[in-house]
Amino acid sequence: MSKKILIVEDDEITALSIETFLENEGYDVLPSVNCADDALEMIKTNNIALVLSDINILGAVDGSQLAKKVYLEHGIRTIFLTAYYNDELMQEAIEAKAYTYLVKPYREFELKTAIELAFSTIKSDAPTKIKIVNFSSFKYEDEKFFKDNEEIKFTKKESKLLEILIKSINNTVSQEELALELYEKDDNSAKTNLRKIISRLRSKYNIEISTHKSQGYSLSNANPS
């Protein structure tokens, strides 16, 4: 199992301090980055097991949004390191499937303990890759969609939406999370376009996507094989 760690921190001194401590403790630490775009590029090219991230980072995408994206697309979870604490930030950490939330200034042994606990649960906690799922009259197998044994070509946005819902079987995915994944923003325009895609999938393909008022969406009748 990979034990590479990526640090996402916009304060260079803080990033260097964390990186030095972890390297002295024997961890495999990648060069730190200060924004979501650079973090995603690092994740694409490295076998990363864990992300340590501040919530307030450079760029339009903050640490909690980054953590959600990294978990949904790569199955990698985050430990948040931040100077701020309130109920809203805690809820964001929960929604992002974060391992834990350390408030600065934390002690080094607290960080090491959090990392070791995260590594001890990675194998059992990582999302299982779904190979075959039956939903409505469709089958999702090896990242392709079929109906009556014929492959169906959805648009890129339709496919991505369905794959996100499939990976979150039996769970509601928030409208904000889906909009962010599909359009990299969660404003009214993105949410309107999201609703249009869902409406099209329902009307054109009779796919049963459930709406959970004020919460989000889920894929109905989805049974993993």
Protein backbone atom coordinates (compact mmCIF):
# COMPACT_ATOMS: atom_id res chain seq x y z
CA MET A 1 0.00 0.00 0.00
CA SER A 2 1.28 3.46 -0.91
CA LYS A 3 1.96 5.77 2.02
CA LYS A 4 2.73 8.91 0.05
CA ILE A 5 1.44 12.11 1.61
CA LEU A 6 0.54 15.34 -0.18
CA ILE A 7 0.47 18.64 1.73
CA VAL A 8 -1.82 21.42 0.45
CA GLU A 9 -0.95 24.63 2.28
CA ASP A 10 -0.70 28.21 1.02
CA ASP A 11 1.67 29.38 3.77
CA GLU A 12 5.20 28.40 2.69
CA ILE A 13 6.67 28.43 6.20
CA THR A 14 3.90 26.21 7.56
CA ALA A 15 4.15 23.84 4.59
CA LEU A 16 7.92 23.52 5.01
CA SER A 17 7.55 22.90 8.75
CA ILE A 18 5.06 20.08 8.20
CA GLU A 19 7.10 18.59 5.37
CA THR A 20 10.32 18.63 7.44
CA PHE A 21 8.64 17.05 10.47
CA LEU A 22 7.05 14.26 8.43
CA GLU A 23 10.27 13.49 6.55
CA ASN A 24 12.14 13.30 9.87
CA GLU A 25 9.50 10.84 11.06
CA GLY A 26 10.16 8.65 8.01
CA TYR A 27 7.09 9.45 5.93
CA ASP A 28 7.17 9.64 2.12
CA VAL A 29 6.20 13.27 1.52
CA LEU A 30 5.70 14.86 -1.88
CA PRO A 31 6.57 18.52 -2.55
CA SER A 32 3.80 20.68 -1.07
CA VAL A 33 1.38 22.66 -3.23
CA ASN A 34 -0.73 25.72 -2.43
CA CYS A 35 -3.88 25.32 -4.55
CA ALA A 36 -6.42 22.74 -5.72
CA ASP A 37 -5.28 22.73 -9.36
CA ASP A 38 -1.72 21.82 -8.43
CA ALA A 39 -2.95 19.24 -5.93
CA LEU A 40 -5.08 17.50 -8.56
CA GLU A 41 -2.13 17.41 -10.97
CA MET A 42 0.05 15.81 -8.29
CA ILE A 43 -2.63 13.22 -7.57
CA LYS A 44 -2.89 12.32 -11.26
CA THR A 45 0.83 11.55 -11.51
CA ASN A 46 1.56 10.06 -8.07
CA ASN A 47 0.21 7.17 -6.07
CA ILE A 48 -0.95 9.25 -3.11
CA ALA A 49 -2.51 7.68 -0.03
CA LEU A 50 -3.35 10.71 2.08
CA VAL A 51 -3.81 14.48 1.74
CA LEU A 52 -3.09 17.01 4.48
CA SER A 53 -4.87 20.25 3.61
CA ASP A 54 -5.69 23.64 5.01
CA ILE A 55 -9.25 24.75 4.24
CA ASN A 56 -8.23 28.25 3.15
CA ILE A 57 -5.93 27.68 0.16
CA LEU A 58 -5.18 29.69 -2.96
CA GLY A 59 -7.59 29.66 -5.90
CA ALA A 60 -11.34 29.42 -6.41
CA VAL A 61 -11.60 25.89 -4.97
CA ASP A 62 -11.10 25.72 -1.20
CA GLY A 63 -9.76 22.82 0.83
CA SER A 64 -13.13 21.27 1.64
CA GLN A 65 -14.21 21.35 -2.02
CA LEU A 66 -10.88 19.84 -3.00
CA ALA A 67 -11.30 17.07 -0.43
CA LYS A 68 -14.74 16.16 -1.82
CA LYS A 69 -13.41 16.04 -5.37
CA VAL A 70 -10.35 13.97 -4.42
CA TYR A 71 -12.50 11.49 -2.51
CA LEU A 72 -15.14 11.11 -5.22
CA GLU A 73 -12.71 10.80 -8.13
CA HIS A 74 -9.75 9.03 -6.51
CA GLY A 75 -10.96 7.51 -3.22
CA ILE A 76 -8.33 9.52 -1.31
CA ARG A 77 -9.31 11.11 1.99
CA THR A 78 -8.01 14.19 3.75
CA ILE A 79 -6.83 15.36 7.17
CA PHE A 80 -7.72 19.03 7.57
CA LEU A 81 -5.18 21.35 9.23
CA THR A 82 -6.66 24.77 9.85
CA ALA A 83 -6.54 27.72 12.21
CA TYR A 84 -10.32 28.09 12.15
CA TYR A 85 -13.07 26.11 13.83
CA ASN A 86 -16.83 26.43 13.72
CA ASP A 87 -19.83 24.16 13.17
CA GLU A 88 -20.06 25.03 9.47
CA LEU A 89 -16.44 24.05 8.81
CA MET A 90 -16.90 20.87 10.82
CA GLN A 91 -19.93 19.96 8.70
CA GLU A 92 -17.90 20.58 5.54
CA ALA A 93 -15.21 18.23 6.84
CA ILE A 94 -17.82 15.54 7.48
CA GLU A 95 -19.31 15.94 4.00
CA ALA A 96 -15.81 15.73 2.50
CA LYS A 97 -15.27 12.35 4.26
CA ALA A 98 -12.23 13.79 6.04
CA TYR A 99 -10.36 11.52 8.44
CA THR A 100 -10.13 14.23 11.05
CA TYR A 101 -9.85 17.97 11.66
CA LEU A 102 -6.83 19.39 13.53
CA VAL A 103 -7.00 22.99 14.70
CA LYS A 104 -3.78 25.00 14.61
CA PRO A 105 -1.68 25.21 16.65
CA TYR A 106 -1.68 21.42 17.09
CA ARG A 107 1.14 19.39 18.59
CA GLU A 108 3.35 17.26 16.37
CA PHE A 109 2.39 14.03 18.11
CA GLU A 110 -1.28 14.83 17.38
CA LEU A 111 -0.52 15.09 13.68
CA LYS A 112 1.49 11.87 13.71
CA THR A 113 -1.30 10.06 15.58
CA ALA A 114 -3.89 11.28 13.08
CA ILE A 115 -1.76 10.10 10.15
CA GLU A 116 -1.16 6.67 11.67
CA LEU A 117 -4.87 6.22 12.38
CA ALA A 118 -5.64 7.23 8.80
CA PHE A 119 -3.15 4.74 7.37
CA SER A 120 -4.54 1.99 9.61
CA THR A 121 -8.00 2.41 8.10
CA ILE A 122 -7.18 3.18 4.46
CA LYS A 123 -7.49 -0.41 3.24
CA SER A 124 -10.88 -1.03 4.83
CA ASP A 125 -12.22 2.48 4.40
CA ALA A 126 -11.41 3.21 0.74
CA PRO A 127 -14.42 3.07 -1.59
CA THR A 128 -14.81 -0.24 -3.38
CA LYS A 129 -14.48 0.02 -7.13
CA ILE A 130 -17.80 -1.06 -8.59
CA LYS A 131 -17.48 -3.26 -11.65
CA ILE A 132 -21.12 -4.02 -12.42
CA VAL A 133 -24.24 -2.12 -11.39
CA ASN A 134 -27.80 -2.59 -12.61
CA PHE A 135 -30.06 0.47 -12.49
CA SER A 136 -33.43 1.06 -14.14
CA SER A 137 -33.07 -1.00 -17.36
CA PHE A 138 -29.34 -0.27 -17.69
CA LYS A 139 -26.14 -2.02 -16.72
CA TYR A 140 -22.91 -0.26 -15.82
CA GLU A 141 -19.90 -2.52 -16.38
CA ASP A 142 -16.19 -1.70 -16.71
CA GLU A 143 -16.99 2.03 -17.00
CA LYS A 144 -19.44 1.49 -19.87
CA PHE A 145 -23.25 1.64 -20.02
CA PHE A 146 -25.41 -1.03 -21.64
CA LYS A 147 -29.10 -1.56 -22.34
CA ASP A 148 -30.31 -4.88 -23.75
CA ASN A 149 -26.64 -5.84 -24.25
CA GLU A 150 -26.07 -2.80 -26.47
CA GLU A 151 -23.64 -0.11 -25.37
CA ILE A 152 -25.27 3.27 -24.79
CA LYS A 153 -23.22 6.39 -25.43
CA PHE A 154 -24.21 9.14 -23.01
CA THR A 155 -22.70 12.61 -23.23
CA LYS A 156 -19.61 13.26 -21.10
CA LYS A 157 -21.63 15.20 -18.54
CA GLU A 158 -24.36 12.53 -18.42
CA SER A 159 -21.80 9.76 -17.97
CA LYS A 160 -19.93 11.62 -15.24
CA LEU A 161 -23.15 12.37 -13.36
CA LEU A 162 -24.26 8.75 -13.50
CA GLU A 163 -20.84 7.49 -12.42
CA ILE A 164 -20.85 9.80 -9.39
CA LEU A 165 -24.31 8.59 -8.37
CA ILE A 166 -23.29 4.96 -8.91
CA LYS A 167 -20.22 5.38 -6.71
CA SER A 168 -22.50 6.80 -4.00
CA ILE A 169 -25.10 4.03 -4.09
CA ASN A 170 -27.57 4.22 -1.17
CA ASN A 171 -26.35 7.76 -0.40
CA THR A 172 -27.63 11.16 -1.42
CA VAL A 173 -25.18 13.36 -3.33
CA SER A 174 -25.77 17.06 -2.76
CA GLN A 175 -26.70 19.39 -5.61
CA GLU A 176 -23.68 21.56 -4.75
CA GLU A 177 -21.31 18.58 -4.90
CA LEU A 178 -22.63 17.43 -8.28
CA ALA A 179 -22.48 20.94 -9.74
CA LEU A 180 -18.90 21.31 -8.55
CA GLU A 181 -17.91 17.98 -10.06
CA LEU A 182 -19.53 18.66 -13.42
CA TYR A 183 -18.87 22.38 -13.82
CA GLU A 184 -16.19 23.17 -11.20
CA LYS A 185 -18.55 25.69 -9.61
CA ASP A 186 -21.81 25.50 -7.69
CA ASP A 187 -23.54 28.74 -8.67
CA ASN A 188 -27.12 29.03 -9.95
CA SER A 189 -26.08 28.54 -13.58
CA ALA A 190 -24.29 25.26 -12.80
CA LYS A 191 -27.23 24.01 -10.73
CA THR A 192 -29.67 24.88 -13.53
CA ASN A 193 -27.58 22.94 -16.06
CA LEU A 194 -27.38 20.04 -13.61
CA ARG A 195 -31.17 19.91 -13.32
CA LYS A 196 -31.45 19.93 -17.14
CA ILE A 197 -29.16 16.88 -17.38
CA ILE A 198 -31.13 15.01 -14.74
CA SER A 199 -34.41 15.88 -16.45
CA ARG A 200 -33.03 14.63 -19.79
CA LEU A 201 -31.83 11.35 -18.28
CA ARG A 202 -35.26 10.82 -16.74
CA SER A 203 -37.33 11.70 -19.81
CA LYS A 204 -35.15 10.34 -22.61
CA TYR A 205 -33.81 7.18 -20.93
CA ASN A 206 -36.36 6.58 -18.12
CA ILE A 207 -33.56 6.50 -15.54
CA GLU A 208 -34.93 6.70 -12.01
CA ILE A 209 -32.98 9.46 -10.30
CA SER A 210 -34.54 10.38 -6.98
CA THR A 211 -34.71 13.97 -5.77
CA HIS A 212 -34.24 14.56 -2.05
CA LYS A 213 -35.59 18.02 -1.31
CA SER A 214 -32.95 20.43 0.03
CA GLN A 215 -30.43 17.58 0.03
CA GLY A 216 -29.60 16.29 -3.45
CA TYR A 217 -30.03 13.27 -5.69
CA SER A 218 -29.57 9.50 -5.63
CA LEU A 219 -29.80 6.73 -8.20
CA SER A 220 -32.82 4.49 -7.62
CA ASN A 221 -32.92 0.73 -8.14
CA ALA A 222 -29.12 0.52 -8.27
CA ASN A 223 -27.89 -2.92 -7.29
CA PRO A 224 -24.17 -3.75 -7.39
CA SER A 225 -23.31 -7.20 -8.76
